[in-house]
Amino acid sequence: MAVNGYLLAQHGQSVGKRLCGIRIVRLDGSVPTLWDSFVKRHLAFLCLRQIPFAGYPLYLIEILFIFRENRRCLHDEFADTLVVKWPGCLSPPLPQRTATSARRGRGGTRRGSSGCAT
């Protein structure tokens, strides 16, 4: 938890976000502080889940905000943050689709020049 907190505060990415090629930024494009990335985004909503009988339905509603047009959950709105694709993607490249594998129904996702899935 300390490692992820440090990485979020310094780079806007946890290990998992780095592997997925995404990053958390503030609305002005800067890296969020530890206060923004941990306390506002996570701790506040962790406390929300502790409310008996109402916590988990409220948490589900909070997560369903991702389906809005701006694709920001309630914790993103609360912390003034946004999750963006980051070109420094570290995910392993998928196998390229060939004509033979296409006929057999196999193949991977097309990758851009950075190696991230497109």
Protein backbone atom coordinates (compact mmCIF):
# COMPACT_ATOMS: atom_id res chain seq x y z
CA MET A 1 0.00 0.00 0.00
CA ALA A 2 2.89 2.34 0.80
CA VAL A 3 4.54 1.59 -2.56
CA ASN A 4 1.34 2.29 -4.49
CA GLY A 5 0.77 5.48 -2.47
CA TYR A 6 4.27 6.66 -3.28
CA LEU A 7 3.90 5.82 -6.99
CA LEU A 8 0.51 7.54 -7.18
CA ALA A 9 1.86 10.69 -5.51
CA GLN A 10 5.03 10.84 -7.64
CA HIS A 11 3.83 9.60 -11.03
CA GLY A 12 0.04 9.32 -10.94
CA GLN A 13 0.35 5.58 -11.56
CA SER A 14 0.22 2.49 -9.40
CA VAL A 15 1.93 -0.66 -10.62
CA GLY A 16 -1.33 -1.92 -12.12
CA LYS A 17 -2.10 1.38 -13.84
CA ARG A 18 1.41 1.43 -15.30
CA LEU A 19 0.94 -2.08 -16.69
CA CYS A 20 -2.40 -1.05 -18.21
CA GLY A 21 -0.96 2.13 -19.71
CA ILE A 22 -3.18 4.54 -17.79
CA ARG A 23 -2.48 7.35 -15.35
CA ILE A 24 -4.35 9.62 -12.94
CA VAL A 25 -4.01 13.35 -13.59
CA ARG A 26 -5.66 16.42 -12.13
CA LEU A 27 -7.98 18.38 -14.41
CA ASP A 28 -5.15 20.87 -15.08
CA GLY A 29 -2.90 17.99 -16.26
CA SER A 30 -0.63 17.87 -13.21
CA VAL A 31 0.11 14.79 -11.11
CA PRO A 32 -2.30 14.59 -8.14
CA THR A 33 -0.87 14.97 -4.65
CA LEU A 34 -1.02 12.13 -2.15
CA TRP A 35 -3.99 13.93 -0.58
CA ASP A 36 -5.83 13.97 -3.92
CA SER A 37 -4.96 10.47 -5.04
CA PHE A 38 -5.36 8.60 -1.77
CA VAL A 39 -7.50 10.52 0.70
CA LYS A 40 -9.98 12.14 -1.68
CA ARG A 41 -10.18 9.31 -4.21
CA HIS A 42 -10.05 6.25 -1.96
CA LEU A 43 -10.28 6.87 1.76
CA ALA A 44 -13.45 8.96 1.58
CA PHE A 45 -15.27 6.28 -0.38
CA LEU A 46 -13.84 3.48 1.75
CA CYS A 47 -15.53 5.18 4.71
CA LEU A 48 -18.73 5.46 2.68
CA ARG A 49 -18.83 1.66 2.29
CA GLN A 50 -18.82 1.24 6.08
CA ILE A 51 -22.35 2.68 6.47
CA PRO A 52 -24.58 -0.26 7.46
CA PHE A 53 -27.09 -1.34 4.78
CA ALA A 54 -26.47 1.73 2.61
CA GLY A 55 -22.70 1.57 2.08
CA TYR A 56 -22.49 -1.01 -0.66
CA PRO A 57 -25.45 0.29 -2.71
CA LEU A 58 -23.92 3.78 -2.51
CA TYR A 59 -20.56 2.36 -3.54
CA LEU A 60 -22.18 0.61 -6.52
CA ILE A 61 -23.83 3.86 -7.58
CA GLU A 62 -20.47 5.60 -7.27
CA ILE A 63 -18.84 3.05 -9.59
CA LEU A 64 -21.70 3.23 -12.13
CA PHE A 65 -20.82 6.87 -12.76
CA ILE A 66 -18.18 5.51 -15.19
CA PHE A 67 -20.94 5.04 -17.78
CA ARG A 68 -21.61 8.77 -18.05
CA GLU A 69 -20.40 10.70 -21.08
CA ASN A 70 -17.27 12.07 -19.34
CA ARG A 71 -16.43 8.58 -17.92
CA ARG A 72 -15.50 9.95 -14.50
CA CYS A 73 -16.61 8.13 -11.35
CA LEU A 74 -17.81 10.05 -8.34
CA HIS A 75 -14.40 9.69 -6.66
CA ASP A 76 -12.83 11.37 -9.72
CA GLU A 77 -15.31 14.22 -9.47
CA PHE A 78 -14.64 14.58 -5.75
CA ALA A 79 -10.84 14.70 -6.20
CA ASP A 80 -10.87 16.71 -9.48
CA THR A 81 -8.97 13.90 -11.23
CA LEU A 82 -9.21 12.07 -14.50
CA VAL A 83 -7.84 8.71 -15.70
CA VAL A 84 -6.07 9.04 -19.04
CA LYS A 85 -4.18 6.72 -21.39
CA TRP A 86 -0.45 7.20 -21.02
CA PRO A 87 1.97 6.43 -23.84
CA GLY A 88 4.54 4.88 -21.48
CA CYS A 89 2.62 1.58 -21.55
CA LEU A 90 4.47 -1.40 -20.08
CA SER A 91 1.95 -4.11 -20.94
CA PRO A 92 3.46 -6.98 -22.93
CA PRO A 93 2.70 -6.90 -26.66
CA LEU A 94 0.08 -9.33 -27.89
CA PRO A 95 0.84 -11.63 -30.83
CA GLN A 96 0.22 -9.98 -34.18
CA ARG A 97 -2.66 -11.37 -36.19
CA THR A 98 -1.57 -13.18 -39.32
CA ALA A 99 -3.60 -14.37 -42.30
CA THR A 100 -3.26 -17.99 -41.13
CA SER A 101 -4.34 -17.23 -37.57
CA ALA A 102 -7.25 -15.12 -38.86
CA ARG A 103 -8.60 -18.10 -40.83
CA ARG A 104 -8.32 -20.27 -37.70
CA GLY A 105 -10.04 -17.64 -35.56
CA ARG A 106 -6.92 -16.79 -33.57
CA GLY A 107 -4.97 -13.60 -33.24
CA GLY A 108 -4.37 -10.66 -31.00
CA THR A 109 -5.44 -7.10 -30.60
CA ARG A 110 -3.90 -4.52 -32.89
CA ARG A 111 -1.17 -2.52 -31.18
CA GLY A 112 -0.16 1.07 -31.85
CA SER A 113 3.39 2.32 -32.26
CA SER A 114 3.82 2.59 -28.48
CA GLY A 115 2.92 -1.09 -28.06
CA CYS A 116 -0.37 -0.30 -26.27
CA ALA A 117 -3.62 -1.88 -27.41
CA THR A 118 -5.64 0.26 -29.81
